[in-house]
Each structure stands twice: as structure tokens, then as C-alpha cells.
Amino acid sequence: MVREICKDEVFLAQKAEAATEANLPVAEDLLETLIAHKHDCVGMAANMIGVNKRIIAFAGDGVHIVMFNPEIVKKSGPYDAEEGCLSLTGTRKAKRWKSIKVRYQNPAFQERFKTFTGWTAQIIQHELDHCEGIII
């Protein structure tokens, strides 16, 4: 189900709780909402659809990826970026990393590690800021 985008900064500033298998329907809604906004959005965190769980979805390398409980375990190559967000008006400056290694769980809740670079790494970092309650 496509959900409404949350713009409540008090809610968005809360740190997300760990996701469980019970949150698989939330991930489906998150992915459907991301796809519905594909013309102006490349990634979303669950709090953007009003659910305070550590789940992100993004478009990467031509496919949509959903991650449960992601966290960056390695990073390199800092740079400054400017980003927009469907939940917030305008753009904001952010410090990002050119390369990140992420530990996460896939939809089968199997632990995975993957390294991302460039634009995809930037998208993931933006969504992980959402999970941490960081409003850039």
C-alpha cells in the first residue's frame, strides 16, 4: 500500500527501533511508496511513512533493495554533499562517505555485508540518518 509521506519533524527526529520479521508488511509498503515516488525520490526510511522501525528501501544499480536493521561498519573518502528529502522542504548540507560497508538483514532476515560506493552509498547514508533520527 502506498502511504502518505510523514513531514512531522518531531517524529522524524526519533531514533528508529529494531525491525523484526513482523515488520515485513511495513517493508512492502515502504517499497511501494518509494516506487510511487520514483520520479522525485531514490530512497526512503520507514519513518518517512510514519513507522519508527529501522528499515530502508532504495533504488540501486537498476533494482530496488530493502534492508532491515542496516548499519555502516566501515567508511572511507569523506566529502560534502547537498541533499533534498520528501519529508523536509529545501536542501541541506551533509557530510558523506564515498565508500561504505553495510551490515544488514535481507527480507529473509539473514545477515549480509555489502560495500557500496558513489551515489548508492550516498542514498544509503541519507536513509540511515533517518533511522538515527538525524534531520539534515
Protein backbone atom coordinates (compact mmCIF):
# COMPACT_ATOMS: atom_id res chain seq x y z
CA MET A 1 0.00 0.00 0.00
CA VAL A 2 1.31 3.45 -0.89
CA ARG A 3 1.46 5.51 2.29
CA GLU A 4 1.45 9.24 2.94
CA ILE A 5 4.87 10.87 3.42
CA CYS A 6 5.46 11.90 7.04
CA LYS A 7 6.63 15.51 7.46
CA ASP A 8 6.41 15.67 11.28
CA GLU A 9 9.94 16.68 12.34
CA VAL A 10 9.34 15.64 15.96
CA PHE A 11 8.51 12.10 14.78
CA LEU A 12 11.35 12.08 12.23
CA ALA A 13 13.84 13.08 14.97
CA GLN A 14 13.21 9.85 16.92
CA LYS A 15 15.77 7.06 16.68
CA ALA A 16 14.24 4.04 14.94
CA GLU A 17 13.60 0.78 16.79
CA ALA A 18 15.00 -2.52 15.51
CA ALA A 19 12.89 -4.20 12.85
CA THR A 20 11.65 -7.79 13.15
CA GLU A 21 10.01 -10.26 10.80
CA ALA A 22 6.67 -8.87 11.97
CA ASN A 23 7.62 -5.70 10.07
CA LEU A 24 7.74 -7.35 6.63
CA PRO A 25 4.41 -5.67 5.66
CA VAL A 26 5.95 -2.29 6.55
CA ALA A 27 8.82 -3.03 4.17
CA GLU A 28 6.34 -3.86 1.40
CA ASP A 29 4.53 -0.56 1.97
CA LEU A 30 7.86 1.30 2.05
CA LEU A 31 8.89 -0.20 -1.27
CA GLU A 32 5.51 0.53 -2.89
CA THR A 33 5.66 4.12 -1.63
CA LEU A 34 9.21 4.54 -2.96
CA ILE A 35 8.18 3.21 -6.37
CA ALA A 36 5.16 5.56 -6.41
CA HIS A 37 7.58 8.47 -5.89
CA LYS A 38 10.28 7.21 -8.26
CA HIS A 39 10.29 10.46 -10.25
CA ASP A 40 11.43 12.54 -7.27
CA CYS A 41 12.86 10.06 -4.76
CA VAL A 42 15.58 7.37 -4.78
CA GLY A 43 15.43 6.14 -1.19
CA MET A 44 13.19 6.02 1.88
CA ALA A 45 13.33 5.05 5.53
CA ALA A 46 10.33 3.62 7.36
CA ASN A 47 9.88 6.76 9.45
CA MET A 48 9.13 8.63 6.23
CA ILE A 49 5.90 6.61 6.04
CA GLY A 50 5.15 7.02 9.74
CA VAL A 51 6.68 3.79 11.10
CA ASN A 52 9.53 4.07 13.60
CA LYS A 53 11.44 0.93 12.54
CA ARG A 54 14.97 0.50 11.18
CA ILE A 55 14.05 -0.34 7.58
CA ILE A 56 15.27 1.37 4.41
CA ALA A 57 14.49 0.93 0.72
CA PHE A 58 16.38 2.43 -2.20
CA ALA A 59 16.97 2.22 -5.92
CA GLY A 60 20.46 0.90 -6.56
CA ASP A 61 22.01 -0.38 -9.77
CA GLY A 62 18.65 -0.64 -11.52
CA VAL A 63 16.90 -2.65 -8.77
CA HIS A 64 15.08 -1.81 -5.56
CA ILE A 65 16.70 -3.04 -2.36
CA VAL A 66 15.18 -3.32 1.12
CA MET A 67 17.39 -3.55 4.20
CA PHE A 68 16.40 -4.37 7.76
CA ASN A 69 18.49 -3.05 10.66
CA PRO A 70 21.29 -1.66 8.47
CA GLU A 71 24.39 -0.08 9.94
CA ILE A 72 27.63 1.20 8.48
CA VAL A 73 30.60 -0.84 9.69
CA LYS A 74 33.30 0.77 7.55
CA LYS A 75 33.58 4.06 5.67
CA SER A 76 36.17 5.97 3.66
CA GLY A 77 36.56 9.05 1.49
CA PRO A 78 34.65 11.86 3.21
CA TYR A 79 33.05 14.59 1.09
CA ASP A 80 30.44 17.32 1.41
CA ALA A 81 27.04 16.91 -0.26
CA GLU A 82 23.77 18.78 -0.54
CA GLU A 83 20.57 16.74 -0.40
CA GLY A 84 16.82 17.08 -0.59
CA CYS A 85 14.16 14.92 1.05
CA LEU A 86 10.45 14.27 0.51
CA SER A 87 9.86 14.66 4.26
CA LEU A 88 11.60 18.05 4.52
CA THR A 89 11.49 21.24 2.47
CA GLY A 90 14.53 22.57 0.68
CA THR A 91 18.02 21.10 0.61
CA ARG A 92 20.58 20.62 3.36
CA LYS A 93 24.33 20.12 3.53
CA ALA A 94 25.61 16.75 4.77
CA LYS A 95 28.97 15.02 5.27
CA ARG A 96 29.05 11.75 3.32
CA TRP A 97 31.49 8.95 2.56
CA LYS A 98 32.44 7.77 -0.95
CA SER A 99 32.57 4.12 0.14
CA ILE A 100 30.65 2.36 2.92
CA LYS A 101 30.38 -1.23 4.08
CA VAL A 102 26.93 -2.03 5.45
CA ARG A 103 25.81 -4.85 7.73
CA TYR A 104 22.09 -5.53 7.34
CA GLN A 105 19.44 -8.21 7.23
CA ASN A 106 17.71 -9.13 3.98
CA PRO A 107 13.93 -9.83 3.80
CA ALA A 108 14.62 -13.42 4.96
CA PHE A 109 16.37 -11.85 7.99
CA GLN A 110 19.74 -13.33 7.01
CA GLU A 111 22.71 -11.16 7.94
CA ARG A 112 24.56 -9.71 4.98
CA PHE A 113 27.52 -7.40 4.36
CA LYS A 114 27.95 -5.34 1.22
CA THR A 115 30.14 -2.44 0.13
CA PHE A 116 28.52 0.45 -1.73
CA THR A 117 30.16 3.40 -3.46
CA GLY A 118 29.21 6.69 -5.08
CA TRP A 119 25.59 7.71 -5.48
CA THR A 120 24.19 4.48 -3.97
CA ALA A 121 26.37 4.93 -0.89
CA GLN A 122 25.09 8.49 -0.53
CA ILE A 123 21.46 7.34 -0.73
CA ILE A 124 22.02 4.72 1.98
CA GLN A 125 23.74 7.24 4.25
CA HIS A 126 20.81 9.64 3.89
CA GLU A 127 18.33 6.90 4.83
CA LEU A 128 20.48 5.78 7.75
CA ASP A 129 20.42 9.36 9.04
CA HIS A 130 16.63 8.97 9.09
CA CYS A 131 16.99 5.78 11.13
CA GLU A 132 19.17 7.63 13.63
CA GLY A 133 16.68 10.49 13.92
CA ILE A 134 19.11 12.88 12.25
CA ILE A 135 17.29 15.60 10.33
CA ILE A 136 19.80 17.01 7.90
